[in-house]
Every structure is written in C-alpha cells, then in structure tokens.
Amino acid sequence: MEINNILSDLITLYFAILGILFGIFTVLLSFILSKRDELLVAIEDLRQNNKRPVLVKKVSLLKSYINHLKKVNAWCIGDILGTIFMLSACWVTLRFTHDCCQEICFWIIVILSALCIVGLLIQSVFLWINYKNYSKI
C-alpha cells in the first residue's frame, strides 16, 4: 500500500477519534454542570437545615462524583490535544514532505499512532474499572 493512502486513512481515523472525543467531552461537561447545580442546591439546603446527616452525605458524594468526572474530562482533553497533534503530523507529512523524508516521518507517525491507540485502550480499561466500581450498589 502506498504511504499517501495510509496517511490519508490515518487522517480519517484521527478525525473519527476526534469526533468521538469531542462528544465524550461535551457529555461529561454537561454532567459536571448539572451535578454542580445539584451540589449548590444541596449546600443551600444544608445551610438552612442545620447540617442533617443525609444532606452532609449527599454533598460529600456530589463533590466526589464531580471530582471524578473532572479527572475523566482532563484525560479527554489530553486525548483531544494528542489527536490534534497526530492529525496535524499526518497532514503535514502528506502535503509537505518528499520521498525520503516522507518515509521517515511515516514510520515515526506509525509508531506514535500505535502508542496513542495503546494509550486509548489502557484509558478505556481504567474507565471501565472505574465504571464498575462506581456503579456497584
């Protein structure tokens, strides 16, 4: 297969990954904002109802949940930035390099792409484990 075709396929793959990551980021951000509003209401209830144990526990759980989602969203931002970098590297290699330099850049991109995909898979496993732990009843 020709290097240009592979680079074009990688660009398509990175655009797909980027779209998925933006979707995940947006959904997590909406969860964070809705839970933050719920936390603000719970804190106001706590101030008015003299620290009932149920409200104290609810505030604690909401803070923990929001912090967890913020960490996951930070991972997502890192993945978005890495994907944009790899997408840019593929595009520059495809458009602005010549034969010898293009082959060297191509192999660097292939190695970095493999590392990115392995990193995404590892993050997916960690997210799955966290999901299993958080969804226990």
C-alpha atoms as a PDB file:
ATOM      1  CA  MET A   1       0.000   0.000   0.000  1.00  0.00           C
ATOM      2  CA  GLU A   2       1.261   3.456  -0.807  1.00  0.00           C
ATOM      3  CA  ILE A   3       2.334   5.767   2.007  1.00  0.00           C
ATOM      4  CA  ASN A   4      -0.018   8.539   0.870  1.00  0.00           C
ATOM      5  CA  ASN A   5      -3.014   6.195   1.067  1.00  0.00           C
ATOM      6  CA  ILE A   6      -2.048   5.056   4.563  1.00  0.00           C
ATOM      7  CA  LEU A   7      -1.585   8.641   5.715  1.00  0.00           C
ATOM      8  CA  SER A   8      -5.000   9.533   4.280  1.00  0.00           C
ATOM      9  CA  ASP A   9      -6.523   6.603   6.169  1.00  0.00           C
ATOM     10  CA  LEU A  10      -4.805   7.725   9.376  1.00  0.00           C
ATOM     11  CA  ILE A  11      -6.177  11.238   8.901  1.00  0.00           C
ATOM     12  CA  THR A  12      -9.670   9.771   8.550  1.00  0.00           C
ATOM     13  CA  LEU A  13      -9.152   7.635  11.658  1.00  0.00           C
ATOM     14  CA  TYR A  14      -7.940  10.607  13.688  1.00  0.00           C
ATOM     15  CA  PHE A  15     -10.899  12.728  12.585  1.00  0.00           C
ATOM     16  CA  ALA A  16     -13.227   9.935  13.739  1.00  0.00           C
ATOM     17  CA  ILE A  17     -11.425   9.641  17.087  1.00  0.00           C
ATOM     18  CA  LEU A  18     -11.510  13.423  17.465  1.00  0.00           C
ATOM     19  CA  GLY A  19     -15.264  13.494  16.879  1.00  0.00           C
ATOM     20  CA  ILE A  20     -15.830  10.766  19.466  1.00  0.00           C
ATOM     21  CA  LEU A  21     -13.606  12.555  21.986  1.00  0.00           C
ATOM     22  CA  PHE A  22     -15.438  15.856  21.499  1.00  0.00           C
ATOM     23  CA  GLY A  23     -18.732  14.026  22.032  1.00  0.00           C
ATOM     24  CA  ILE A  24     -17.486  12.412  25.247  1.00  0.00           C
ATOM     25  CA  PHE A  25     -16.071  15.743  26.451  1.00  0.00           C
ATOM     26  CA  THR A  26     -19.384  17.506  25.832  1.00  0.00           C
ATOM     27  CA  VAL A  27     -21.455  14.852  27.601  1.00  0.00           C
ATOM     28  CA  LEU A  28     -19.120  14.807  30.607  1.00  0.00           C
ATOM     29  CA  LEU A  29     -19.157  18.594  30.782  1.00  0.00           C
ATOM     30  CA  SER A  30     -22.967  18.604  30.839  1.00  0.00           C
ATOM     31  CA  PHE A  31     -22.922  16.004  33.653  1.00  0.00           C
ATOM     32  CA  ILE A  32     -20.433  18.098  35.621  1.00  0.00           C
ATOM     33  CA  LEU A  33     -22.525  21.241  35.240  1.00  0.00           C
ATOM     34  CA  SER A  34     -25.778  19.511  36.204  1.00  0.00           C
ATOM     35  CA  LYS A  35     -24.177  17.884  39.253  1.00  0.00           C
ATOM     36  CA  ARG A  36     -22.632  21.227  40.223  1.00  0.00           C
ATOM     37  CA  ASP A  37     -26.085  22.803  40.186  1.00  0.00           C
ATOM     38  CA  GLU A  38     -27.389  19.924  42.283  1.00  0.00           C
ATOM     39  CA  LEU A  39     -24.465  20.435  44.684  1.00  0.00           C
ATOM     40  CA  LEU A  40     -25.252  24.136  45.036  1.00  0.00           C
ATOM     41  CA  VAL A  41     -28.870  23.316  45.914  1.00  0.00           C
ATOM     42  CA  ALA A  42     -27.732  20.694  48.441  1.00  0.00           C
ATOM     43  CA  ILE A  43     -25.293  23.150  50.050  1.00  0.00           C
ATOM     44  CA  GLU A  44     -28.049  25.754  50.347  1.00  0.00           C
ATOM     45  CA  ASP A  45     -30.345  23.149  51.946  1.00  0.00           C
ATOM     46  CA  LEU A  46     -27.526  22.221  54.296  1.00  0.00           C
ATOM     47  CA  ARG A  47     -27.127  25.822  55.428  1.00  0.00           C
ATOM     48  CA  GLN A  48     -30.856  26.157  56.078  1.00  0.00           C
ATOM     49  CA  ASN A  49     -31.431  22.774  57.753  1.00  0.00           C
ATOM     50  CA  ASN A  50     -28.601  22.752  60.298  1.00  0.00           C
ATOM     51  CA  LYS A  51     -26.407  20.000  58.862  1.00  0.00           C
ATOM     52  CA  ARG A  52     -28.676  16.996  58.637  1.00  0.00           C
ATOM     53  CA  PRO A  53     -26.584  13.820  58.132  1.00  0.00           C
ATOM     54  CA  VAL A  54     -28.359  12.912  54.900  1.00  0.00           C
ATOM     55  CA  LEU A  55     -27.519  16.273  53.343  1.00  0.00           C
ATOM     56  CA  VAL A  56     -23.916  16.116  54.555  1.00  0.00           C
ATOM     57  CA  LYS A  57     -23.529  12.723  52.899  1.00  0.00           C
ATOM     58  CA  LYS A  58     -25.195  13.961  49.698  1.00  0.00           C
ATOM     59  CA  VAL A  59     -22.823  16.944  49.480  1.00  0.00           C
ATOM     60  CA  SER A  60     -19.838  14.670  50.050  1.00  0.00           C
ATOM     61  CA  LEU A  61     -20.937  12.222  47.350  1.00  0.00           C
ATOM     62  CA  LEU A  62     -21.654  15.002  44.860  1.00  0.00           C
ATOM     63  CA  LYS A  63     -18.214  16.535  45.425  1.00  0.00           C
ATOM     64  CA  SER A  64     -16.573  13.144  44.942  1.00  0.00           C
ATOM     65  CA  TYR A  65     -18.555  12.468  41.770  1.00  0.00           C
ATOM     66  CA  ILE A  66     -17.785  15.889  40.297  1.00  0.00           C
ATOM     67  CA  ASN A  67     -14.066  15.471  41.029  1.00  0.00           C
ATOM     68  CA  HIS A  68     -14.087  12.067  39.358  1.00  0.00           C
ATOM     69  CA  LEU A  69     -15.793  13.441  36.255  1.00  0.00           C
ATOM     70  CA  LYS A  70     -13.336  16.347  36.134  1.00  0.00           C
ATOM     71  CA  LYS A  71     -10.427  13.865  36.099  1.00  0.00           C
ATOM     72  CA  VAL A  72     -12.003  11.878  33.284  1.00  0.00           C
ATOM     73  CA  ASN A  73     -12.634  15.094  31.349  1.00  0.00           C
ATOM     74  CA  ALA A  74      -8.991  16.113  31.862  1.00  0.00           C
ATOM     75  CA  TRP A  75      -7.946  12.779  30.297  1.00  0.00           C
ATOM     76  CA  CYS A  76     -10.305  13.526  27.445  1.00  0.00           C
ATOM     77  CA  ILE A  77      -8.735  16.962  26.885  1.00  0.00           C
ATOM     78  CA  GLY A  78      -5.285  15.345  26.807  1.00  0.00           C
ATOM     79  CA  ASP A  79      -6.521  12.822  24.262  1.00  0.00           C
ATOM     80  CA  ILE A  80      -8.046  15.594  22.152  1.00  0.00           C
ATOM     81  CA  LEU A  81      -4.771  17.504  22.114  1.00  0.00           C
ATOM     82  CA  GLY A  82      -2.799  14.359  21.260  1.00  0.00           C
ATOM     83  CA  THR A  83      -5.213  13.510  18.466  1.00  0.00           C
ATOM     84  CA  ILE A  84      -4.982  17.017  17.034  1.00  0.00           C
ATOM     85  CA  PHE A  85      -1.177  16.743  17.118  1.00  0.00           C
ATOM     86  CA  MET A  86      -1.202  13.375  15.337  1.00  0.00           C
ATOM     87  CA  LEU A  87      -3.752  14.614  12.811  1.00  0.00           C
ATOM     88  CA  SER A  88      -1.575  17.644  12.082  1.00  0.00           C
ATOM     89  CA  ALA A  89       1.554  15.492  11.780  1.00  0.00           C
ATOM     90  CA  CYS A  90      -0.168  13.200   9.288  1.00  0.00           C
ATOM     91  CA  TRP A  91      -1.453  16.118   7.246  1.00  0.00           C
ATOM     92  CA  VAL A  92       1.920  17.915   7.165  1.00  0.00           C
ATOM     93  CA  THR A  93       3.688  14.687   6.220  1.00  0.00           C
ATOM     94  CA  LEU A  94       1.168  14.012   3.475  1.00  0.00           C
ATOM     95  CA  ARG A  95       1.240  17.514   1.998  1.00  0.00           C
ATOM     96  CA  PHE A  96       4.712  18.945   2.558  1.00  0.00           C
ATOM     97  CA  THR A  97       7.299  16.164   2.621  1.00  0.00           C
ATOM     98  CA  HIS A  98       9.107  14.371  -0.192  1.00  0.00           C
ATOM     99  CA  ASP A  99      10.035  10.722  -0.736  1.00  0.00           C
ATOM    100  CA  CYS A 100      12.907  10.077   1.707  1.00  0.00           C
ATOM    101  CA  CYS A 101      11.716  12.458   4.396  1.00  0.00           C
ATOM    102  CA  GLN A 102       8.133  11.271   3.945  1.00  0.00           C
ATOM    103  CA  GLU A 103       9.097   7.663   4.630  1.00  0.00           C
ATOM    104  CA  ILE A 104      10.963   8.589   7.823  1.00  0.00           C
ATOM    105  CA  CYS A 105       8.057  10.760   9.004  1.00  0.00           C
ATOM    106  CA  PHE A 106       5.634   7.997   8.067  1.00  0.00           C
ATOM    107  CA  TRP A 107       7.353   5.435  10.306  1.00  0.00           C
ATOM    108  CA  ILE A 108       7.526   7.919  13.171  1.00  0.00           C
ATOM    109  CA  ILE A 109       3.791   8.552  12.758  1.00  0.00           C
ATOM    110  CA  VAL A 110       3.052   4.814  12.634  1.00  0.00           C
ATOM    111  CA  ILE A 111       4.944   4.248  15.892  1.00  0.00           C
ATOM    112  CA  LEU A 112       3.288   7.233  17.590  1.00  0.00           C
ATOM    113  CA  SER A 113      -0.120   6.115  16.297  1.00  0.00           C
ATOM    114  CA  ALA A 114       0.379   2.664  17.787  1.00  0.00           C
ATOM    115  CA  LEU A 115       1.357   4.247  21.106  1.00  0.00           C
ATOM    116  CA  CYS A 116      -1.703   6.530  21.002  1.00  0.00           C
ATOM    117  CA  ILE A 117      -4.034   3.628  20.318  1.00  0.00           C
ATOM    118  CA  VAL A 118      -2.487   1.567  23.118  1.00  0.00           C
ATOM    119  CA  GLY A 119      -2.866   4.585  25.424  1.00  0.00           C
ATOM    120  CA  LEU A 120      -6.524   4.979  24.474  1.00  0.00           C
ATOM    121  CA  LEU A 121      -7.119   1.276  25.116  1.00  0.00           C
ATOM    122  CA  ILE A 122      -5.445   1.487  28.540  1.00  0.00           C
ATOM    123  CA  GLN A 123      -7.558   4.528  29.418  1.00  0.00           C
ATOM    124  CA  SER A 124     -10.656   2.644  28.291  1.00  0.00           C
ATOM    125  CA  VAL A 125      -9.787  -0.226  30.637  1.00  0.00           C
ATOM    126  CA  PHE A 126      -9.298   2.198  33.547  1.00  0.00           C
ATOM    127  CA  LEU A 127     -12.602   3.895  32.756  1.00  0.00           C
ATOM    128  CA  TRP A 128     -14.338   0.515  32.633  1.00  0.00           C
ATOM    129  CA  ILE A 129     -12.882  -0.426  36.027  1.00  0.00           C
ATOM    130  CA  ASN A 130     -13.965   2.929  37.479  1.00  0.00           C
ATOM    131  CA  TYR A 131     -17.414   2.467  35.987  1.00  0.00           C
ATOM    132  CA  LYS A 132     -17.725  -0.960  37.588  1.00  0.00           C
ATOM    133  CA  ASN A 133     -16.615   0.441  40.962  1.00  0.00           C
ATOM    134  CA  TYR A 134     -18.924   3.481  40.825  1.00  0.00           C
ATOM    135  CA  SER A 135     -21.962   1.540  39.632  1.00  0.00           C
ATOM    136  CA  LYS A 136     -21.916  -1.002  42.454  1.00  0.00           C
ATOM    137  CA  ILE A 137     -24.997  -0.995  44.613  1.00  0.00           C
END
